[in-house]
Amino acid sequence: MSAQPEKVTGIHHIALRVSNLENTLSFYTHAFGFQVIAQWNNGIQDIAMLDTGNGTILEVFSAGISSGSINETQSGTFFHLAFDVENVDAVYTKALQSGGKEKIPPRDMTLPAKPQSIPIRNAFLYGPDGESIELFHRY
């Protein structure tokens, strides 16, 4: 009998390089209530881990170089971070008040998925380094 292959059990963390660690930590803790659970320096850069509330971690690395432009079409990069929220409008407003930049305001839509469509409410904004963030609620 062969051994069962190891399975992926979920996403542990997503890493984000940022130009200003303290600004980023302030944004994510104030806008979304994320908790900083660890911080350290690896000799090159400062690193922090933020718990997003469900056990998934957002890991942020300092020493990012700000390009001054947003490129959402480059292959090999993540397009956006999507956070599951109960109230898209309230979280969107708080994120903008915390320094986020408007991209697409809250809206209702139906994703034309198969085998059945998915009704959602979502919104998009930009974080401190231009990272695209989606706020997502499935009805």
C-alpha atoms as a PDB file:
ATOM      1  CA  MET A   1       0.000   0.000   0.000  1.00  0.00           C
ATOM      2  CA  SER A   2       1.441   3.386  -0.958  1.00  0.00           C
ATOM      3  CA  ALA A   3       1.460   6.282   1.461  1.00  0.00           C
ATOM      4  CA  GLN A   4      -1.048   9.064   0.906  1.00  0.00           C
ATOM      5  CA  PRO A   5       0.589  12.170  -0.575  1.00  0.00           C
ATOM      6  CA  GLU A   6       0.811  15.172   1.680  1.00  0.00           C
ATOM      7  CA  LYS A   7      -1.970  17.656   1.047  1.00  0.00           C
ATOM      8  CA  VAL A   8      -1.990  21.419   1.092  1.00  0.00           C
ATOM      9  CA  THR A   9      -4.315  22.472   3.894  1.00  0.00           C
ATOM     10  CA  GLY A  10      -4.629  26.162   3.028  1.00  0.00           C
ATOM     11  CA  ILE A  11      -2.684  29.356   2.496  1.00  0.00           C
ATOM     12  CA  HIS A  12      -0.433  30.146   5.447  1.00  0.00           C
ATOM     13  CA  HIS A  13       0.685  33.592   4.318  1.00  0.00           C
ATOM     14  CA  ILE A  14       0.990  35.973   1.440  1.00  0.00           C
ATOM     15  CA  ALA A  15       4.111  38.140   1.325  1.00  0.00           C
ATOM     16  CA  LEU A  16       4.043  41.794   0.348  1.00  0.00           C
ATOM     17  CA  ARG A  17       7.111  43.974  -0.159  1.00  0.00           C
ATOM     18  CA  VAL A  18       6.514  47.543   1.020  1.00  0.00           C
ATOM     19  CA  SER A  19       8.378  50.833   0.921  1.00  0.00           C
ATOM     20  CA  ASN A  20       7.474  51.899   4.474  1.00  0.00           C
ATOM     21  CA  LEU A  21       6.826  49.127   6.992  1.00  0.00           C
ATOM     22  CA  GLU A  22       5.393  51.310   9.760  1.00  0.00           C
ATOM     23  CA  ASN A  23       3.007  53.060   7.359  1.00  0.00           C
ATOM     24  CA  THR A  24       1.842  49.688   6.041  1.00  0.00           C
ATOM     25  CA  LEU A  25       1.370  48.228   9.538  1.00  0.00           C
ATOM     26  CA  SER A  26      -0.617  51.291  10.554  1.00  0.00           C
ATOM     27  CA  PHE A  27      -2.845  51.002   7.485  1.00  0.00           C
ATOM     28  CA  TYR A  28      -3.647  47.288   7.801  1.00  0.00           C
ATOM     29  CA  THR A  29      -4.203  47.399  11.576  1.00  0.00           C
ATOM     30  CA  HIS A  30      -6.431  50.498  11.444  1.00  0.00           C
ATOM     31  CA  ALA A  31      -8.296  49.810   8.185  1.00  0.00           C
ATOM     32  CA  PHE A  32      -8.965  46.104   8.683  1.00  0.00           C
ATOM     33  CA  GLY A  33      -8.202  45.337  12.337  1.00  0.00           C
ATOM     34  CA  PHE A  34      -5.349  42.958  11.495  1.00  0.00           C
ATOM     35  CA  GLN A  35      -3.110  42.083  14.452  1.00  0.00           C
ATOM     36  CA  VAL A  36       0.687  42.190  14.298  1.00  0.00           C
ATOM     37  CA  ILE A  37       1.709  38.797  15.675  1.00  0.00           C
ATOM     38  CA  ALA A  38       5.463  38.865  14.969  1.00  0.00           C
ATOM     39  CA  GLN A  39       8.179  41.319  13.936  1.00  0.00           C
ATOM     40  CA  TRP A  40      11.897  40.786  13.285  1.00  0.00           C
ATOM     41  CA  ASN A  41      14.887  41.857  11.231  1.00  0.00           C
ATOM     42  CA  ASN A  42      16.752  39.321   9.114  1.00  0.00           C
ATOM     43  CA  GLY A  43      19.863  41.492   8.797  1.00  0.00           C
ATOM     44  CA  ILE A  44      18.664  43.028   5.539  1.00  0.00           C
ATOM     45  CA  GLN A  45      15.126  44.162   6.177  1.00  0.00           C
ATOM     46  CA  ASP A  46      12.385  44.417   8.754  1.00  0.00           C
ATOM     47  CA  ILE A  47       9.595  41.864   8.512  1.00  0.00           C
ATOM     48  CA  ALA A  48       6.203  41.618  10.194  1.00  0.00           C
ATOM     49  CA  MET A  49       3.386  39.096  10.193  1.00  0.00           C
ATOM     50  CA  LEU A  50      -0.225  40.224  10.516  1.00  0.00           C
ATOM     51  CA  ASP A  51      -3.066  37.844  11.347  1.00  0.00           C
ATOM     52  CA  THR A  52      -5.971  38.627   9.018  1.00  0.00           C
ATOM     53  CA  GLY A  53      -8.476  37.203  11.486  1.00  0.00           C
ATOM     54  CA  ASN A  54      -8.951  33.687  10.196  1.00  0.00           C
ATOM     55  CA  GLY A  55      -5.446  32.335  10.619  1.00  0.00           C
ATOM     56  CA  THR A  56      -4.150  33.453   7.227  1.00  0.00           C
ATOM     57  CA  ILE A  57      -1.114  35.703   7.546  1.00  0.00           C
ATOM     58  CA  LEU A  58      -0.145  38.801   5.593  1.00  0.00           C
ATOM     59  CA  GLU A  59       3.645  39.016   5.811  1.00  0.00           C
ATOM     60  CA  VAL A  60       5.186  42.395   4.988  1.00  0.00           C
ATOM     61  CA  PHE A  61       8.814  43.047   4.113  1.00  0.00           C
ATOM     62  CA  SER A  62      10.464  46.461   4.241  1.00  0.00           C
ATOM     63  CA  ALA A  63      13.022  47.659   1.688  1.00  0.00           C
ATOM     64  CA  GLY A  64      10.611  47.627  -1.216  1.00  0.00           C
ATOM     65  CA  ILE A  65      11.345  50.103  -3.957  1.00  0.00           C
ATOM     66  CA  SER A  66       8.412  52.302  -4.899  1.00  0.00           C
ATOM     67  CA  SER A  67       8.126  52.500  -8.678  1.00  0.00           C
ATOM     68  CA  GLY A  68       5.646  55.360  -8.573  1.00  0.00           C
ATOM     69  CA  SER A  69       3.348  53.468 -10.927  1.00  0.00           C
ATOM     70  CA  ILE A  70       0.852  50.673 -10.612  1.00  0.00           C
ATOM     71  CA  ASN A  71       1.242  47.697 -12.947  1.00  0.00           C
ATOM     72  CA  GLU A  72      -1.667  45.281 -12.619  1.00  0.00           C
ATOM     73  CA  THR A  73      -0.974  43.401 -15.852  1.00  0.00           C
ATOM     74  CA  GLN A  74       2.549  42.058 -15.299  1.00  0.00           C
ATOM     75  CA  SER A  75       2.679  38.268 -15.505  1.00  0.00           C
ATOM     76  CA  GLY A  76       4.009  36.442 -12.466  1.00  0.00           C
ATOM     77  CA  THR A  77       2.648  38.921  -9.951  1.00  0.00           C
ATOM     78  CA  PHE A  78      -0.481  38.677  -7.860  1.00  0.00           C
ATOM     79  CA  PHE A  79      -3.296  40.810  -9.228  1.00  0.00           C
ATOM     80  CA  HIS A  80      -4.940  41.707  -5.909  1.00  0.00           C
ATOM     81  CA  LEU A  81      -5.510  40.649  -2.307  1.00  0.00           C
ATOM     82  CA  ALA A  82      -9.141  39.767  -1.599  1.00  0.00           C
ATOM     83  CA  PHE A  83     -10.466  39.970   1.947  1.00  0.00           C
ATOM     84  CA  ASP A  84     -13.747  38.356   2.935  1.00  0.00           C
ATOM     85  CA  VAL A  85     -15.793  40.938   4.851  1.00  0.00           C
ATOM     86  CA  GLU A  86     -19.295  41.083   6.277  1.00  0.00           C
ATOM     87  CA  ASN A  87     -19.960  44.749   5.415  1.00  0.00           C
ATOM     88  CA  VAL A  88     -18.190  45.908   2.254  1.00  0.00           C
ATOM     89  CA  ASP A  89     -19.377  49.518   2.565  1.00  0.00           C
ATOM     90  CA  ALA A  90     -18.256  49.989   6.174  1.00  0.00           C
ATOM     91  CA  VAL A  91     -14.837  48.392   5.645  1.00  0.00           C
ATOM     92  CA  TYR A  92     -14.321  50.348   2.403  1.00  0.00           C
ATOM     93  CA  THR A  93     -15.075  53.646   4.148  1.00  0.00           C
ATOM     94  CA  LYS A  94     -12.755  52.815   7.053  1.00  0.00           C
ATOM     95  CA  ALA A  95      -9.970  51.771   4.664  1.00  0.00           C
ATOM     96  CA  LEU A  96     -10.226  55.069   2.758  1.00  0.00           C
ATOM     97  CA  GLN A  97     -10.197  56.991   6.062  1.00  0.00           C
ATOM     98  CA  SER A  98      -7.063  55.006   7.022  1.00  0.00           C
ATOM     99  CA  GLY A  99      -5.163  56.100   3.915  1.00  0.00           C
ATOM    100  CA  GLY A 100      -6.397  53.760   1.191  1.00  0.00           C
ATOM    101  CA  LYS A 101      -7.055  55.169  -2.275  1.00  0.00           C
ATOM    102  CA  GLU A 102     -10.309  54.628  -4.131  1.00  0.00           C
ATOM    103  CA  LYS A 103     -10.342  52.254  -7.102  1.00  0.00           C
ATOM    104  CA  ILE A 104     -13.882  50.823  -7.517  1.00  0.00           C
ATOM    105  CA  PRO A 105     -16.557  51.783  -4.965  1.00  0.00           C
ATOM    106  CA  PRO A 106     -18.887  49.189  -3.434  1.00  0.00           C
ATOM    107  CA  ARG A 107     -21.218  47.497  -5.895  1.00  0.00           C
ATOM    108  CA  ASP A 108     -23.500  44.503  -6.205  1.00  0.00           C
ATOM    109  CA  MET A 109     -22.864  42.113  -9.030  1.00  0.00           C
ATOM    110  CA  THR A 110     -23.366  38.524 -10.052  1.00  0.00           C
ATOM    111  CA  LEU A 111     -20.377  36.504 -11.191  1.00  0.00           C
ATOM    112  CA  PRO A 112     -21.490  34.457 -14.234  1.00  0.00           C
ATOM    113  CA  ALA A 113     -19.886  31.276 -12.889  1.00  0.00           C
ATOM    114  CA  LYS A 114     -20.775  27.703 -13.727  1.00  0.00           C
ATOM    115  CA  PRO A 115     -22.466  25.545 -12.553  1.00  0.00           C
ATOM    116  CA  GLN A 116     -24.319  28.497 -10.990  1.00  0.00           C
ATOM    117  CA  SER A 117     -23.842  32.232 -10.788  1.00  0.00           C
ATOM    118  CA  ILE A 118     -22.483  33.826  -7.597  1.00  0.00           C
ATOM    119  CA  PRO A 119     -24.139  36.990  -6.209  1.00  0.00           C
ATOM    120  CA  ILE A 120     -21.634  39.239  -4.422  1.00  0.00           C
ATOM    121  CA  ARG A 121     -20.977  42.740  -3.157  1.00  0.00           C
ATOM    122  CA  ASN A 122     -17.423  43.963  -3.603  1.00  0.00           C
ATOM    123  CA  ALA A 123     -15.194  47.011  -3.802  1.00  0.00           C
ATOM    124  CA  PHE A 124     -11.564  47.688  -4.692  1.00  0.00           C
ATOM    125  CA  LEU A 125      -9.037  50.128  -3.268  1.00  0.00           C
ATOM    126  CA  TYR A 126      -5.297  50.687  -3.299  1.00  0.00           C
ATOM    127  CA  GLY A 127      -3.143  50.199  -0.199  1.00  0.00           C
ATOM    128  CA  PRO A 128      -0.110  52.310   0.829  1.00  0.00           C
ATOM    129  CA  ASP A 129       2.200  50.964  -1.912  1.00  0.00           C
ATOM    130  CA  GLY A 130      -0.430  50.763  -4.618  1.00  0.00           C
ATOM    131  CA  GLU A 131      -1.334  47.142  -3.889  1.00  0.00           C
ATOM    132  CA  SER A 132      -4.816  46.354  -5.135  1.00  0.00           C
ATOM    133  CA  ILE A 133      -7.207  45.172  -2.407  1.00  0.00           C
ATOM    134  CA  GLU A 134     -10.648  43.685  -2.955  1.00  0.00           C
ATOM    135  CA  LEU A 135     -13.294  43.642  -0.265  1.00  0.00           C
ATOM    136  CA  PHE A 136     -15.564  40.674  -0.996  1.00  0.00           C
ATOM    137  CA  HIS A 137     -18.893  39.507   0.399  1.00  0.00           C
ATOM    138  CA  ARG A 138     -20.833  36.574  -1.047  1.00  0.00           C
ATOM    139  CA  TYR A 139     -24.591  36.635  -0.511  1.00  0.00           C
END
